[in-house]
Amino acid sequence: MFKVCRRARSYLLMAFVSLTLILGQGAASAHEQRGVAGQNIVVGWEVEPAFTGSPNAVSVRVTDAGSGQPVQGLQLKVEVLFGGRDSTQKTPPLDLQPAFNEPGVYSAPILPSRPGTYTFHITGQLDGEPFDQYFTSGEDTFDSIHNAREFPVEDPSPGELAERLSRIDSRIETASQEAAMARSLAFGGIALGVIGLLVALAALWAARKAGRSSAAASPATVSATSPKE
């Protein structure tokens, strides 16, 4: 009985070690590892899988490539780009702050709002040398952002809401421009109408003045011809 218990404990221990190794490999594959200036850099999302609308953070772990000891006291910054390294949609440089109770780990909190590829542009000093590296999400690096499945009602994501609002704003702007053009045309028509009315009044006034002048000249003509009769 005692041998059976010992054998069972051995099997459980082996299973636990195997599970730990599998999970460890899965966690490592969810980040990108890169050797730079004698240091081992591991970059990815702090929480993976990563979803839109969920608070997350850029996570950077730096250890000495030789000893494996965490490298502390670094001053690093990160720009988060939506898309590849040539994307124009990016944050200003964010400070990578030392993580609490995790030596050698630095993070910058961010809330991703749209699904897709993200790129981390990390700069600073590493072992006295300039550090300037791009890390892009993908199958072989770290997780891209996904839309979480909602239940029971699937609401639009913040990115989808932003796109809809952008389309509405565009339509409102177009309608405002058309309304402004219509007002301009209306004012132009009113101005032309006023000018036409003024011209007509001027013509009428001129005609009446000419009629009065003609009427005033007629008696003088009669009196000048009456003696000859």
Protein backbone atom coordinates (compact mmCIF):
# COMPACT_ATOMS: atom_id res chain seq x y z
CA MET A 1 0.00 0.00 0.00
CA PHE A 2 2.82 2.36 0.89
CA LYS A 3 4.58 1.63 -2.41
CA VAL A 4 1.37 2.29 -4.32
CA CYS A 5 0.99 5.71 -2.61
CA ARG A 6 4.60 6.60 -3.35
CA ARG A 7 4.11 5.60 -7.00
CA ALA A 8 0.93 7.69 -7.22
CA ARG A 9 2.75 10.71 -5.74
CA SER A 10 5.54 10.26 -8.27
CA TYR A 11 3.05 10.21 -11.14
CA LEU A 12 1.34 13.32 -9.82
CA LEU A 13 4.68 15.12 -9.46
CA MET A 14 5.67 14.19 -13.01
CA ALA A 15 2.33 15.39 -14.31
CA PHE A 16 2.69 18.67 -12.42
CA VAL A 17 6.19 19.27 -13.78
CA SER A 18 5.04 18.48 -17.32
CA LEU A 19 2.10 20.87 -17.00
CA THR A 20 4.38 23.59 -15.65
CA LEU A 21 6.75 23.19 -18.58
CA ILE A 22 3.90 23.31 -21.08
CA LEU A 23 2.45 26.45 -19.52
CA GLY A 24 5.87 28.04 -19.33
CA GLN A 25 6.49 27.39 -23.01
CA GLY A 26 3.07 28.82 -23.86
CA ALA A 27 3.79 32.00 -21.90
CA ALA A 28 7.19 32.40 -23.53
CA SER A 29 5.74 31.93 -27.02
CA ALA A 30 3.27 34.75 -26.34
CA HIS A 31 6.16 37.22 -26.12
CA GLU A 32 9.00 38.12 -28.43
CA GLN A 33 12.51 37.43 -27.19
CA ARG A 34 15.53 39.25 -28.55
CA GLY A 35 19.18 39.53 -27.52
CA VAL A 36 20.53 43.09 -27.53
CA ALA A 37 23.84 44.39 -26.11
CA GLY A 38 24.40 41.32 -23.95
CA GLN A 39 20.88 41.54 -22.52
CA ASN A 40 17.87 39.31 -23.08
CA ILE A 41 14.74 41.35 -23.95
CA VAL A 42 11.26 39.81 -23.69
CA VAL A 43 8.43 42.02 -25.02
CA GLY A 44 4.68 41.53 -25.19
CA TRP A 45 1.35 42.44 -23.63
CA GLU A 46 1.12 42.21 -19.87
CA VAL A 47 -2.18 40.30 -20.24
CA GLU A 48 -2.52 37.78 -23.06
CA PRO A 49 -4.69 36.92 -24.89
CA ALA A 50 -5.32 40.64 -25.36
CA PHE A 51 -8.75 42.06 -26.17
CA THR A 52 -10.21 45.42 -27.11
CA GLY A 53 -11.69 47.46 -24.29
CA SER A 54 -9.68 45.59 -21.63
CA PRO A 55 -6.99 47.45 -19.65
CA ASN A 56 -3.56 46.16 -20.58
CA ALA A 57 0.07 47.27 -20.63
CA VAL A 58 3.23 47.01 -22.69
CA SER A 59 5.50 44.61 -20.79
CA VAL A 60 9.30 44.55 -21.16
CA ARG A 61 11.49 42.12 -19.22
CA VAL A 62 15.27 42.68 -19.28
CA THR A 63 17.75 40.12 -17.93
CA ASP A 64 21.49 39.69 -18.26
CA ALA A 65 22.17 37.18 -21.03
CA GLY A 66 25.04 35.61 -19.10
CA SER A 67 23.82 35.41 -15.52
CA GLY A 68 20.08 35.59 -16.10
CA GLN A 69 19.81 38.26 -13.41
CA PRO A 70 17.19 41.02 -13.87
CA VAL A 71 18.51 44.35 -15.11
CA GLN A 72 17.13 47.19 -13.02
CA GLY A 73 17.26 50.98 -13.14
CA LEU A 74 16.68 51.32 -16.87
CA GLN A 75 15.02 54.39 -18.36
CA LEU A 76 13.03 53.24 -21.38
CA LYS A 77 10.17 54.71 -23.39
CA VAL A 78 7.70 53.11 -25.77
CA GLU A 79 5.55 54.38 -28.63
CA VAL A 80 2.55 52.16 -29.35
CA LEU A 81 1.67 52.08 -33.06
CA PHE A 82 -1.57 50.71 -34.47
CA GLY A 83 -0.32 48.60 -37.35
CA GLY A 84 3.25 48.18 -38.58
CA ARG A 85 6.32 50.27 -37.87
CA ASP A 86 5.37 52.76 -40.63
CA SER A 87 1.94 53.49 -39.14
CA THR A 88 1.03 57.13 -38.47
CA GLN A 89 -1.44 56.19 -35.71
CA LYS A 90 0.70 56.15 -32.60
CA THR A 91 0.86 57.34 -29.03
CA PRO A 92 3.37 59.88 -27.74
CA PRO A 93 6.39 58.29 -26.01
CA LEU A 94 5.23 56.56 -22.81
CA ASP A 95 7.48 55.90 -19.82
CA LEU A 96 8.15 52.24 -19.11
CA GLN A 97 7.95 52.17 -15.33
CA PRO A 98 9.44 49.40 -13.13
CA ALA A 99 6.76 46.83 -12.32
CA PHE A 100 5.87 46.35 -8.67
CA ASN A 101 7.73 43.46 -7.02
CA GLU A 102 9.04 42.21 -10.39
CA PRO A 103 12.73 43.18 -10.80
CA GLY A 104 13.76 43.70 -14.40
CA VAL A 105 10.18 44.15 -15.63
CA TYR A 106 8.99 47.49 -17.02
CA SER A 107 5.45 48.35 -18.15
CA ALA A 108 3.36 51.14 -19.64
CA PRO A 109 -0.43 50.86 -19.19
CA ILE A 110 -2.69 51.30 -22.20
CA LEU A 111 -6.24 50.36 -23.21
CA PRO A 112 -6.29 49.04 -26.81
CA SER A 113 -9.49 50.11 -28.53
CA ARG A 114 -9.30 48.36 -31.91
CA PRO A 115 -8.45 44.82 -33.00
CA GLY A 116 -5.45 44.24 -35.19
CA THR A 117 -1.67 44.45 -35.31
CA TYR A 118 0.24 46.59 -32.83
CA THR A 119 3.89 47.67 -32.83
CA PHE A 120 5.99 48.72 -29.83
CA HIS A 121 8.81 51.16 -30.58
CA ILE A 122 11.10 51.02 -27.54
CA THR A 123 13.94 53.49 -27.05
CA GLY A 124 16.42 54.39 -24.32
CA GLN A 125 19.80 53.28 -22.99
CA LEU A 126 20.81 49.65 -22.48
CA ASP A 127 24.16 48.87 -20.90
CA GLY A 128 25.38 52.33 -21.86
CA GLU A 129 24.43 51.93 -25.52
CA PRO A 130 21.49 53.50 -27.40
CA PHE A 131 18.51 51.16 -27.61
CA ASP A 132 16.06 51.61 -30.50
CA GLN A 133 13.99 48.57 -31.43
CA TYR A 134 10.60 47.79 -33.01
CA PHE A 135 8.50 44.82 -31.85
CA THR A 136 5.40 43.94 -33.93
CA SER A 137 2.64 41.56 -32.88
CA GLY A 138 2.04 38.42 -34.91
CA GLU A 139 1.96 34.64 -34.86
CA ASP A 140 5.69 34.36 -34.15
CA THR A 141 5.97 37.26 -31.69
CA PHE A 142 3.30 38.42 -29.24
CA ASP A 143 -0.46 38.50 -29.36
CA SER A 144 -2.39 40.87 -31.62
CA ILE A 145 -5.53 42.49 -30.23
CA HIS A 146 -8.83 40.62 -30.64
CA ASN A 147 -12.47 41.52 -30.17
CA ALA A 148 -13.93 39.74 -27.15
CA ARG A 149 -17.12 37.74 -27.70
CA GLU A 150 -20.03 39.35 -25.88
CA PHE A 151 -23.12 37.71 -24.48
CA PRO A 152 -26.12 37.93 -24.48
CA VAL A 153 -26.01 41.11 -26.59
CA GLU A 154 -23.02 41.98 -28.72
CA ASP A 155 -22.47 45.72 -28.43
CA PRO A 156 -20.26 47.63 -30.88
CA SER A 157 -16.65 47.98 -29.81
CA PRO A 158 -15.17 51.42 -29.01
CA GLY A 159 -13.37 51.33 -32.35
CA GLU A 160 -16.60 50.59 -34.23
CA LEU A 161 -18.37 53.37 -32.33
CA ALA A 162 -15.56 55.76 -33.23
CA GLU A 163 -15.86 54.81 -36.91
CA ARG A 164 -19.64 55.33 -36.84
CA LEU A 165 -19.23 58.70 -35.13
CA SER A 166 -16.63 59.65 -37.71
CA ARG A 167 -19.05 58.80 -40.53
CA ILE A 168 -21.83 60.76 -38.80
CA ASP A 169 -19.52 63.75 -38.34
CA SER A 170 -18.60 63.55 -42.02
CA ARG A 171 -22.27 63.53 -43.01
CA ILE A 172 -23.02 66.44 -40.67
CA GLU A 173 -20.13 68.40 -42.13
CA THR A 174 -21.33 67.69 -45.68
CA ALA A 175 -24.88 68.73 -44.76
CA SER A 176 -23.54 71.92 -43.13
CA GLN A 177 -21.56 72.74 -46.26
CA GLU A 178 -24.62 72.15 -48.45
CA ALA A 179 -26.75 74.30 -46.12
CA ALA A 180 -24.14 77.06 -46.21
CA MET A 181 -24.10 76.93 -50.01
CA ALA A 182 -27.91 77.05 -50.09
CA ARG A 183 -27.87 80.08 -47.78
CA SER A 184 -25.29 81.77 -50.00
CA LEU A 185 -27.43 81.12 -53.08
CA ALA A 186 -30.52 82.38 -51.27
CA PHE A 187 -28.76 85.54 -50.16
CA GLY A 188 -27.46 85.98 -53.69
CA GLY A 189 -30.99 85.63 -55.08
CA ILE A 190 -32.31 88.12 -52.52
CA ALA A 191 -29.56 90.55 -53.43
CA LEU A 192 -30.32 90.20 -57.14
CA GLY A 193 -34.02 90.68 -56.41
CA VAL A 194 -33.33 93.86 -54.41
CA ILE A 195 -31.09 95.17 -57.19
CA GLY A 196 -33.79 94.40 -59.77
CA LEU A 197 -36.39 96.16 -57.63
CA LEU A 198 -34.16 99.21 -57.24
CA VAL A 199 -33.57 99.29 -61.01
CA ALA A 200 -37.30 99.06 -61.64
CA LEU A 201 -38.04 101.84 -59.12
CA ALA A 202 -35.34 103.98 -60.70
CA ALA A 203 -36.80 103.38 -64.16
CA LEU A 204 -40.29 104.20 -62.89
CA TRP A 205 -39.06 107.35 -61.18
CA ALA A 206 -37.23 108.40 -64.35
CA ALA A 207 -40.34 107.75 -66.44
CA ARG A 208 -42.53 109.80 -64.11
CA LYS A 209 -40.00 112.62 -64.07
CA ALA A 210 -39.89 112.63 -67.85
CA GLY A 211 -43.71 112.72 -67.95
CA ARG A 212 -43.85 115.72 -65.61
CA SER A 213 -41.24 117.56 -67.68
CA SER A 214 -43.23 116.94 -70.86
CA ALA A 215 -46.44 118.15 -69.26
CA ALA A 216 -44.76 121.32 -67.99
CA ALA A 217 -43.36 122.14 -71.48
CA SER A 218 -46.72 121.80 -73.35
CA PRO A 219 -48.45 125.14 -72.20
CA ALA A 220 -45.43 127.21 -73.16
CA THR A 221 -45.58 125.86 -76.68
CA VAL A 222 -49.30 126.80 -77.03
CA SER A 223 -48.84 130.36 -75.82
CA ALA A 224 -45.96 130.90 -78.21
CA THR A 225 -48.06 129.97 -81.27
CA SER A 226 -51.34 131.71 -80.34
CA PRO A 227 -50.54 135.25 -81.73
CA LYS A 228 -49.98 133.88 -85.22
CA GLU A 229 -53.52 132.62 -85.23
